[in-house]
Amino acid sequence: MSFKILRHIFISSILFGFSQTAFAQTEIQFWHAMGGELGDKVNKMVEGFNASQKEYKVIPVYKGNYAETMTGAIAAFRAKQQPHIVQVFEVGTATMMAAKGAIYPVYKLMQDTQESFDPKSYLSPVSGYYSDKDGHLLSLPFNSSTPVFYYNKDAFRKAGLNPDQPPKTWSEVGEYAKKIQAAGYPCGFTVGWPSWTQLENFSAWHNLPIATNANGYAGLNTELLLNKPAQIKHIAQLAEWQKSKIFDYGGRGDDSTPKFYSGECAMFMTTSGRYGGVKKNAKFDFGVGMMPYWSDITKTPQNSIIGGATLWVLNGHKPEEYKGVAKFFTYLSSPTVQADWHQFTGYLPITKAAYELTDQQGFYKKNPGTDIAIKEITNKEPTENSKGLRMGNFVQVREVIEEELEAVWSGKKTAKQGLDDAVKRSNELLRQFQSANAE
């Protein structure tokens, strides 16, 4: 090999090494719980950020459902292998807040990295849910949703119902369901996320407390109040309707969704975040309405509470990596990205600017019903009963509630027995959390 060739190889090696160093990107691990079309959309959002700059590379990793993602992150933190960002559903908020050594509050992250950040730019019903008692935002709102009422307009037409007038009250839901069944549909309506839609949001919508201590915001010695007359009446009615398939239970979480997609059930109360899936999978004309209410409990509904998830930052990484996290959060909160996410998914626009941009783009006029979720959470100024809930061990509490609801709807327990047992078992879990986190 000649000297000239050796010199060329030597110089190339130096340049290659320099190039590798100069363009080495800082990697950011982002664990999320978005599967299916939502997961595809998350990946595209991340690709957009990665393409917008060269310093950082966010790596999205799907870790299963919400509970699996949260417990996986906790286990990873204990093993010192935690991601930088983890998506945690709203019922995990109190647990994350209690893990003070593990989390890096978002407001502090943005301060430390000197990233431009205005907490007031976020919708207050959303940001308030994830802020501490001093108003500091602890996690970044990402996919916030609230229950809405989807319905099959084609089924309404066949049943002689006005396709532009969804039922307003639960009495109307029952009446409409019977007419729809008479038109040949096997099921009137089903629901997703039963505890969230039929007890937690049911209570807030009727301005009834979910628990003591302002739904848990005022202290850890909280007890559930979901076994009161209004809740018992509602669950008992669903159990009665279950017998004739006016209401048909389809499982926990999103498990009931196929019943609506297939046309089996003509009405479907579930998260507004299901809008993209309904639009993609429903082979019929559909509409979106507000949650029904019982007119003998309230004449004017209160406001709904949010569900969905936020992005929490975990401690234990290098300062330069957190700069990348902060820039990623700025990107996610930008009006263009948020408006696109909102319009695709049906999740709430987390910032006022994203809502205004969506409105300016004419999206709400072109897609009637997509503003229902915003109208619900802003229907009235939130009260202590309707601003949300904050209780530890609520992942387990919700599982208990779901078990007891299933016992009621299968006829094994009355509504009162099921809800009394749900409250009793849940309060034991709340005491365990209180004992473990007493100051």
Protein backbone atom coordinates (compact mmCIF):
# COMPACT_ATOMS: atom_id res chain seq x y z
CA MET A 1 0.00 0.00 0.00
CA SER A 2 1.47 3.33 -1.02
CA PHE A 3 2.05 6.23 1.35
CA LYS A 4 -0.52 8.27 -0.57
CA ILE A 5 -3.23 5.66 0.02
CA LEU A 6 -2.31 5.33 3.72
CA ARG A 7 -2.52 9.09 4.14
CA HIS A 8 -5.94 9.13 2.49
CA ILE A 9 -7.23 6.40 4.84
CA PHE A 10 -5.80 8.23 7.87
CA ILE A 11 -7.40 11.55 6.94
CA SER A 12 -10.70 9.86 6.11
CA SER A 13 -10.71 8.13 9.50
CA ILE A 14 -10.16 11.43 11.29
CA LEU A 15 -12.89 13.14 9.28
CA PHE A 16 -15.25 10.23 9.84
CA GLY A 17 -14.63 10.31 13.58
CA PHE A 18 -15.07 14.07 13.64
CA SER A 19 -18.26 13.70 11.68
CA GLN A 20 -19.57 11.10 14.12
CA THR A 21 -18.79 13.37 17.07
CA ALA A 22 -20.15 16.49 15.44
CA PHE A 23 -23.48 14.89 14.55
CA ALA A 24 -23.92 12.56 17.51
CA GLN A 25 -27.44 13.07 18.73
CA THR A 26 -28.59 12.97 22.34
CA GLU A 27 -31.21 10.27 22.64
CA ILE A 28 -34.41 10.74 24.64
CA GLN A 29 -36.40 7.67 25.65
CA PHE A 30 -40.17 8.23 25.51
CA TRP A 31 -42.38 5.43 26.85
CA HIS A 32 -46.03 5.66 25.87
CA ALA A 33 -49.27 3.67 25.93
CA MET A 34 -50.70 4.57 22.54
CA GLY A 35 -51.37 1.54 20.35
CA GLY A 36 -53.02 1.20 16.93
CA GLU A 37 -53.71 4.35 14.94
CA LEU A 38 -52.92 6.50 17.98
CA GLY A 39 -49.49 4.90 18.23
CA ASP A 40 -48.89 5.56 14.54
CA LYS A 41 -49.80 9.20 15.10
CA VAL A 42 -47.44 9.47 18.08
CA ASN A 43 -44.64 8.08 15.95
CA LYS A 44 -45.32 10.69 13.27
CA MET A 45 -45.27 13.48 15.86
CA VAL A 46 -41.92 12.27 17.13
CA GLU A 47 -40.60 12.01 13.57
CA GLY A 48 -41.63 15.62 13.08
CA PHE A 49 -39.62 16.72 16.10
CA ASN A 50 -36.60 14.65 15.13
CA ALA A 51 -36.66 16.14 11.63
CA SER A 52 -37.00 19.69 13.00
CA GLN A 53 -33.52 19.72 14.61
CA LYS A 54 -30.31 17.67 14.76
CA GLU A 55 -29.23 17.79 18.41
CA TYR A 56 -31.76 15.38 19.87
CA LYS A 57 -33.43 12.15 18.86
CA VAL A 58 -36.57 11.11 20.68
CA ILE A 59 -37.18 7.37 20.63
CA PRO A 60 -40.83 6.42 21.17
CA VAL A 61 -41.44 3.03 22.75
CA TYR A 62 -44.89 1.48 23.11
CA LYS A 63 -45.03 -0.24 26.51
CA GLY A 64 -48.57 -1.62 26.56
CA ASN A 65 -51.72 -0.15 28.08
CA TYR A 66 -51.75 2.67 30.60
CA ALA A 67 -51.37 0.49 33.68
CA GLU A 68 -48.60 -1.59 32.09
CA THR A 69 -46.70 1.51 31.00
CA MET A 70 -46.92 3.11 34.43
CA THR A 71 -45.92 0.02 36.40
CA GLY A 72 -43.15 -0.66 33.87
CA ALA A 73 -41.71 2.80 34.40
CA ILE A 74 -41.82 2.43 38.18
CA ALA A 75 -39.98 -0.89 37.95
CA ALA A 76 -37.46 0.63 35.54
CA PHE A 77 -36.80 3.52 37.92
CA ARG A 78 -36.06 1.12 40.76
CA ALA A 79 -33.65 -0.70 38.44
CA LYS A 80 -32.12 2.66 37.39
CA GLN A 81 -33.16 2.07 33.78
CA GLN A 82 -35.95 4.59 33.61
CA PRO A 83 -36.90 6.49 30.45
CA HIS A 84 -36.71 10.27 30.32
CA ILE A 85 -40.44 10.60 29.63
CA VAL A 86 -43.33 8.33 30.51
CA GLN A 87 -46.99 8.71 29.65
CA VAL A 88 -49.19 8.19 32.73
CA PHE A 89 -52.98 8.17 32.77
CA GLU A 90 -54.87 10.60 34.95
CA VAL A 91 -55.67 8.14 37.73
CA GLY A 92 -51.93 7.72 38.31
CA THR A 93 -51.48 11.42 39.09
CA ALA A 94 -51.58 11.13 42.89
CA THR A 95 -49.19 8.19 42.82
CA MET A 96 -46.72 10.11 40.64
CA MET A 97 -46.99 13.19 42.85
CA ALA A 98 -46.15 11.06 45.88
CA ALA A 99 -43.02 9.74 44.15
CA LYS A 100 -41.17 13.00 44.78
CA GLY A 101 -37.69 11.64 44.31
CA ALA A 102 -38.57 10.05 41.02
CA ILE A 103 -40.21 12.89 39.13
CA TYR A 104 -38.81 16.07 37.65
CA PRO A 105 -41.72 18.57 37.68
CA VAL A 106 -42.34 20.09 34.27
CA TYR A 107 -42.44 23.68 35.54
CA LYS A 108 -38.99 23.18 37.09
CA LEU A 109 -37.65 21.40 34.02
CA MET A 110 -38.62 24.35 31.85
CA GLN A 111 -37.09 26.82 34.33
CA ASP A 112 -33.83 24.91 34.66
CA THR A 113 -33.40 24.54 30.91
CA GLN A 114 -34.49 28.16 30.28
CA GLU A 115 -37.04 26.97 27.77
CA SER A 116 -39.84 29.40 26.99
CA PHE A 117 -42.91 28.24 28.89
CA ASP A 118 -46.24 29.87 29.77
CA PRO A 119 -48.48 27.67 31.98
CA LYS A 120 -51.39 30.03 31.32
CA SER A 121 -51.39 29.07 27.65
CA TYR A 122 -52.89 25.68 28.58
CA LEU A 123 -56.63 25.16 29.05
CA SER A 124 -57.25 25.61 32.78
CA PRO A 125 -59.60 22.58 33.19
CA VAL A 126 -56.72 20.49 31.86
CA SER A 127 -53.68 22.12 33.47
CA GLY A 128 -55.45 22.46 36.83
CA TYR A 129 -55.82 18.70 37.05
CA TYR A 130 -52.05 18.21 36.88
CA SER A 131 -50.85 21.12 39.02
CA ASP A 132 -49.84 21.17 42.66
CA LYS A 133 -51.59 23.26 45.31
CA ASP A 134 -49.43 26.25 44.35
CA GLY A 135 -50.50 26.03 40.71
CA HIS A 136 -47.23 24.59 39.41
CA LEU A 137 -47.65 22.27 36.44
CA LEU A 138 -46.13 18.91 37.33
CA SER A 139 -46.61 16.96 34.11
CA LEU A 140 -47.23 18.02 30.53
CA PRO A 141 -50.83 17.69 29.31
CA PHE A 142 -50.76 15.49 26.23
CA ASN A 143 -53.85 13.45 25.45
CA SER A 144 -56.70 14.80 27.51
CA SER A 145 -60.19 13.62 26.81
CA THR A 146 -63.67 13.55 28.28
CA PRO A 147 -66.62 11.24 27.65
CA VAL A 148 -68.92 12.03 24.72
CA PHE A 149 -71.92 10.27 23.22
CA TYR A 150 -71.40 8.78 19.74
CA TYR A 151 -74.46 7.58 17.85
CA ASN A 152 -75.27 5.85 14.59
CA LYS A 153 -77.27 8.27 12.44
CA ASP A 154 -78.26 5.53 10.00
CA ALA A 155 -79.79 3.57 12.87
CA PHE A 156 -81.62 6.69 14.05
CA ARG A 157 -83.13 7.13 10.56
CA LYS A 158 -84.29 3.50 10.42
CA ALA A 159 -85.86 3.89 13.85
CA GLY A 160 -87.68 7.06 12.84
CA LEU A 161 -85.54 9.25 15.07
CA ASN A 162 -84.10 12.64 14.12
CA PRO A 163 -80.44 11.92 13.19
CA ASP A 164 -79.46 15.44 14.21
CA GLN A 165 -80.88 15.18 17.72
CA PRO A 166 -79.02 12.78 20.04
CA PRO A 167 -80.70 12.01 23.36
CA LYS A 168 -80.20 14.62 26.05
CA THR A 169 -81.39 12.65 29.07
CA TRP A 170 -80.98 9.07 30.23
CA SER A 171 -84.73 8.61 29.93
CA GLU A 172 -84.44 9.51 26.25
CA VAL A 173 -81.53 7.08 25.87
CA GLY A 174 -83.80 4.29 27.06
CA GLU A 175 -86.68 5.38 24.79
CA TYR A 176 -84.42 5.74 21.73
CA ALA A 177 -82.77 2.37 22.42
CA LYS A 178 -86.12 0.58 22.39
CA LYS A 179 -87.04 2.16 19.03
CA ILE A 180 -83.64 1.26 17.61
CA GLN A 181 -84.05 -2.35 18.72
CA ALA A 182 -87.50 -2.42 17.15
CA ALA A 183 -85.82 -1.32 13.90
CA GLY A 184 -83.68 -4.46 13.95
CA TYR A 185 -80.58 -3.55 15.95
CA PRO A 186 -79.73 -6.07 18.72
CA CYS A 187 -78.35 -3.51 21.19
CA GLY A 188 -79.33 0.03 22.12
CA PHE A 189 -76.13 1.35 23.63
CA THR A 190 -72.88 0.36 25.24
CA VAL A 191 -70.21 2.24 27.15
CA GLY A 192 -66.44 2.38 27.32
CA TRP A 193 -64.41 2.89 30.51
CA PRO A 194 -67.44 2.15 32.77
CA SER A 195 -66.06 3.48 36.06
CA TRP A 196 -64.84 6.70 34.42
CA THR A 197 -67.93 7.36 32.32
CA GLN A 198 -70.75 5.93 34.49
CA LEU A 199 -69.61 6.88 37.99
CA GLU A 200 -66.79 9.43 37.99
CA ASN A 201 -68.05 11.63 35.16
CA PHE A 202 -71.66 10.80 35.97
CA SER A 203 -71.11 12.34 39.40
CA ALA A 204 -69.29 15.42 38.11
CA TRP A 205 -71.91 15.98 35.35
CA HIS A 206 -74.62 15.98 38.06
CA ASN A 207 -72.46 18.06 40.42
CA LEU A 208 -72.25 15.27 42.97
CA PRO A 209 -69.11 14.48 44.98
CA ILE A 210 -67.06 11.48 43.97
CA ALA A 211 -65.25 11.42 47.31
CA THR A 212 -64.73 13.41 50.48
CA ASN A 213 -62.01 16.06 50.82
CA ALA A 214 -63.02 17.79 47.56
CA ASN A 215 -62.62 14.53 45.65
CA GLY A 216 -59.24 13.94 47.27
CA TYR A 217 -57.61 17.28 46.48
CA ALA A 218 -57.74 18.39 50.13
CA GLY A 219 -56.04 15.46 51.81
CA LEU A 220 -55.13 11.81 51.87
CA ASN A 221 -57.79 10.74 54.38
CA THR A 222 -60.33 10.58 51.56
CA GLU A 223 -63.26 8.20 51.25
CA LEU A 224 -65.33 7.40 48.18
CA LEU A 225 -68.95 8.58 47.96
CA LEU A 226 -70.05 6.59 44.94
CA ASN A 227 -72.72 4.59 46.80
CA LYS A 228 -75.19 7.44 47.22
CA PRO A 229 -78.82 7.36 45.95
CA ALA A 230 -78.14 9.00 42.56
CA GLN A 231 -75.33 6.63 41.64
CA ILE A 232 -77.28 3.61 42.90
CA LYS A 233 -80.29 4.62 40.82
CA HIS A 234 -78.18 5.01 37.67
CA ILE A 235 -76.31 1.73 38.00
CA ALA A 236 -79.55 -0.10 38.90
CA GLN A 237 -81.16 1.27 35.72
CA LEU A 238 -78.24 0.08 33.61
CA ALA A 239 -78.54 -3.36 35.22
CA GLU A 240 -82.23 -3.45 34.40
CA TRP A 241 -81.55 -2.39 30.81
CA GLN A 242 -78.85 -5.04 30.53
CA LYS A 243 -81.53 -7.74 30.72
CA SER A 244 -83.06 -6.70 27.38
CA LYS A 245 -79.88 -5.39 25.74
CA ILE A 246 -81.10 -1.80 25.81
CA PHE A 247 -77.71 -1.48 27.46
CA ASP A 248 -75.10 -4.11 26.68
CA TYR A 249 -71.90 -4.28 28.72
CA GLY A 250 -68.90 -4.83 26.49
CA GLY A 251 -66.00 -4.96 28.94
CA ARG A 252 -63.51 -2.66 30.57
CA GLY A 253 -61.50 0.10 28.94
CA ASP A 254 -62.04 0.16 25.19
CA ASP A 255 -63.24 -3.45 24.97
CA SER A 256 -66.79 -2.47 24.03
CA THR A 257 -65.68 -0.42 21.00
CA PRO A 258 -66.29 -3.21 18.40
CA LYS A 259 -69.95 -3.31 19.39
CA PHE A 260 -70.33 0.21 18.01
CA TYR A 261 -67.98 -0.14 15.04
CA SER A 262 -69.85 -3.23 13.84
CA GLY A 263 -73.24 -1.57 14.13
CA GLU A 264 -74.39 -3.98 16.85
CA CYS A 265 -74.98 -1.15 19.34
CA ALA A 266 -76.29 2.12 17.91
CA MET A 267 -75.11 4.40 20.72
CA PHE A 268 -71.78 4.49 22.48
CA MET A 269 -70.59 6.60 25.39
CA THR A 270 -66.82 6.70 25.61
CA THR A 271 -63.79 8.95 25.39
CA SER A 272 -63.65 11.82 22.91
CA GLY A 273 -60.22 10.42 22.09
CA ARG A 274 -61.96 7.60 20.23
CA TYR A 275 -63.09 10.04 17.49
CA GLY A 276 -60.28 9.12 15.09
CA GLY A 277 -61.03 5.43 15.49
CA VAL A 278 -64.76 5.91 15.00
CA LYS A 279 -64.17 7.99 11.89
CA LYS A 280 -61.85 5.34 10.47
CA ASN A 281 -63.82 2.21 11.37
CA ALA A 282 -67.52 3.09 11.40
CA LYS A 283 -69.14 2.14 8.08
CA PHE A 284 -72.14 4.36 8.77
CA ASP A 285 -73.00 8.01 9.26
CA PHE A 286 -72.34 8.97 12.88
CA GLY A 287 -72.83 11.94 15.17
CA VAL A 288 -71.49 13.13 18.53
CA GLY A 289 -73.62 14.41 21.39
CA MET A 290 -73.17 15.49 24.98
CA MET A 291 -73.37 13.09 27.90
CA PRO A 292 -76.96 12.38 28.99
CA TYR A 293 -78.22 13.39 32.43
CA TRP A 294 -81.09 12.48 34.73
CA SER A 295 -83.50 15.41 34.72
CA ASP A 296 -84.80 14.53 38.20
CA ILE A 297 -81.27 15.01 39.58
CA THR A 298 -80.32 18.15 37.68
CA LYS A 299 -81.99 20.38 35.11
CA THR A 300 -78.69 21.73 33.82
CA PRO A 301 -75.56 19.55 33.80
CA GLN A 302 -72.40 20.84 35.46
CA ASN A 303 -69.15 20.11 33.58
CA SER A 304 -67.32 16.93 32.73
CA ILE A 305 -63.90 15.96 34.02
CA ILE A 306 -60.94 14.92 31.95
CA GLY A 307 -59.30 11.60 31.42
CA GLY A 308 -56.41 10.62 29.23
CA ALA A 309 -52.80 11.07 30.19
CA THR A 310 -49.89 13.43 30.69
CA LEU A 311 -46.16 13.17 30.16
CA TRP A 312 -44.05 12.86 33.30
CA VAL A 313 -40.31 13.44 33.36
CA LEU A 314 -38.26 11.05 35.47
CA ASN A 315 -35.13 11.99 37.40
CA GLY A 316 -31.72 10.40 36.97
CA HIS A 317 -30.52 11.68 33.60
CA LYS A 318 -27.93 14.21 32.44
CA PRO A 319 -28.70 17.97 32.21
CA GLU A 320 -28.05 18.08 28.45
CA GLU A 321 -30.60 15.31 27.98
CA TYR A 322 -33.22 17.28 29.87
CA LYS A 323 -32.65 20.18 27.48
CA GLY A 324 -33.83 17.85 24.74
CA VAL A 325 -36.87 16.84 26.78
CA ALA A 326 -37.78 20.52 27.27
CA LYS A 327 -37.45 21.25 23.55
CA PHE A 328 -39.58 18.22 22.74
CA PHE A 329 -42.27 19.50 25.10
CA THR A 330 -42.18 22.91 23.46
CA TYR A 331 -42.63 21.21 20.09
CA LEU A 332 -45.57 19.09 21.35
CA SER A 333 -47.29 22.17 22.77
CA SER A 334 -46.94 24.26 19.61
CA PRO A 335 -50.29 25.31 18.08
CA THR A 336 -49.69 23.51 14.78
CA VAL A 337 -48.73 20.17 16.36
CA GLN A 338 -51.47 20.33 19.00
CA ALA A 339 -54.18 21.34 16.50
CA ASP A 340 -53.21 18.44 14.26
CA TRP A 341 -53.23 15.97 17.20
CA HIS A 342 -56.61 17.29 18.40
CA GLN A 343 -58.19 17.10 14.96
CA PHE A 344 -56.88 13.61 14.23
CA THR A 345 -57.69 12.01 17.58
CA GLY A 346 -60.58 13.88 19.18
CA TYR A 347 -58.47 14.56 22.26
CA LEU A 348 -58.86 18.05 23.65
CA PRO A 349 -56.61 20.80 22.32
CA ILE A 350 -54.43 21.36 25.39
CA THR A 351 -53.70 25.00 24.61
CA LYS A 352 -55.92 27.96 23.82
CA ALA A 353 -53.83 28.66 20.72
CA ALA A 354 -54.44 25.14 19.36
CA TYR A 355 -58.19 25.53 19.91
CA GLU A 356 -58.23 28.92 18.16
CA LEU A 357 -56.15 27.61 15.26
CA THR A 358 -58.51 24.66 14.83
CA ASP A 359 -61.46 27.02 14.82
CA GLN A 360 -59.78 29.34 12.29
CA GLN A 361 -59.12 26.37 10.04
CA GLY A 362 -62.84 25.65 9.97
CA PHE A 363 -62.43 22.17 11.43
CA TYR A 364 -65.39 22.36 13.81
CA LYS A 365 -67.75 23.52 11.05
CA LYS A 366 -66.58 20.80 8.68
CA ASN A 367 -66.78 18.11 11.40
CA PRO A 368 -69.88 18.73 13.53
CA GLY A 369 -69.59 17.33 17.04
CA THR A 370 -65.84 17.60 17.36
CA ASP A 371 -66.22 20.56 19.70
CA ILE A 372 -68.55 18.68 22.08
CA ALA A 373 -65.70 17.67 24.40
CA ILE A 374 -64.61 21.30 24.81
CA LYS A 375 -68.19 22.41 25.42
CA GLU A 376 -68.56 19.78 28.14
CA ILE A 377 -65.45 20.59 30.15
CA THR A 378 -66.23 24.31 29.93
CA ASN A 379 -70.01 23.93 30.36
CA LYS A 380 -69.86 25.62 33.77
CA GLU A 381 -67.16 26.85 36.13
CA PRO A 382 -65.92 23.68 37.88
CA THR A 383 -67.00 23.06 41.47
CA GLU A 384 -65.27 20.94 44.11
CA ASN A 385 -67.38 18.08 42.77
CA SER A 386 -66.43 18.58 39.13
CA LYS A 387 -62.83 19.76 38.92
CA GLY A 388 -61.52 16.21 38.90
CA LEU A 389 -60.30 13.68 41.43
CA ARG A 390 -56.97 12.99 43.06
CA MET A 391 -56.58 9.80 45.02
CA GLY A 392 -53.70 7.43 45.53
CA ASN A 393 -53.86 3.80 44.46
CA PHE A 394 -56.62 4.84 42.07
CA VAL A 395 -55.44 2.41 39.42
CA GLN A 396 -56.33 -0.38 41.84
CA VAL A 397 -59.44 1.45 43.04
CA ARG A 398 -60.79 1.65 39.52
CA GLU A 399 -60.18 -2.08 39.06
CA VAL A 400 -62.22 -2.74 42.21
CA ILE A 401 -65.05 -0.55 40.93
CA GLU A 402 -65.04 -2.34 37.58
CA GLU A 403 -65.23 -5.74 39.32
CA GLU A 404 -68.20 -4.66 41.40
CA LEU A 405 -69.99 -3.12 38.39
CA GLU A 406 -69.58 -6.40 36.54
CA ALA A 407 -71.12 -8.22 39.50
CA VAL A 408 -74.12 -5.88 39.31
CA TRP A 409 -74.61 -6.10 35.56
CA SER A 410 -74.33 -9.89 35.62
CA GLY A 411 -77.05 -10.05 38.28
CA LYS A 412 -74.86 -11.37 41.08
CA LYS A 413 -75.34 -8.26 43.22
CA THR A 414 -77.84 -5.43 43.45
CA ALA A 415 -76.61 -1.95 42.56
CA LYS A 416 -76.54 -1.01 46.24
CA GLN A 417 -74.61 -4.13 47.25
CA GLY A 418 -72.11 -3.66 44.44
CA LEU A 419 -71.49 0.02 45.10
CA ASP A 420 -71.33 -0.47 48.88
CA ASP A 421 -68.70 -3.17 48.35
CA ALA A 422 -66.84 -1.00 45.83
CA VAL A 423 -66.65 1.84 48.34
CA LYS A 424 -65.62 -0.43 51.21
CA ARG A 425 -62.86 -2.16 49.23
CA SER A 426 -61.66 1.10 47.68
CA ASN A 427 -61.45 2.86 51.02
CA GLU A 428 -59.13 0.11 52.25
CA LEU A 429 -56.82 0.86 49.30
CA LEU A 430 -57.00 4.58 50.04
CA ARG A 431 -56.01 3.92 53.68
CA GLN A 432 -53.03 1.88 52.50
CA PHE A 433 -51.88 4.78 50.32
CA GLN A 434 -52.43 7.26 53.16
CA SER A 435 -50.39 5.13 55.54
CA ALA A 436 -47.55 4.72 53.04
CA ASN A 437 -47.39 8.44 52.24
CA ALA A 438 -48.16 10.06 55.59
CA GLU A 439 -45.95 13.12 56.17
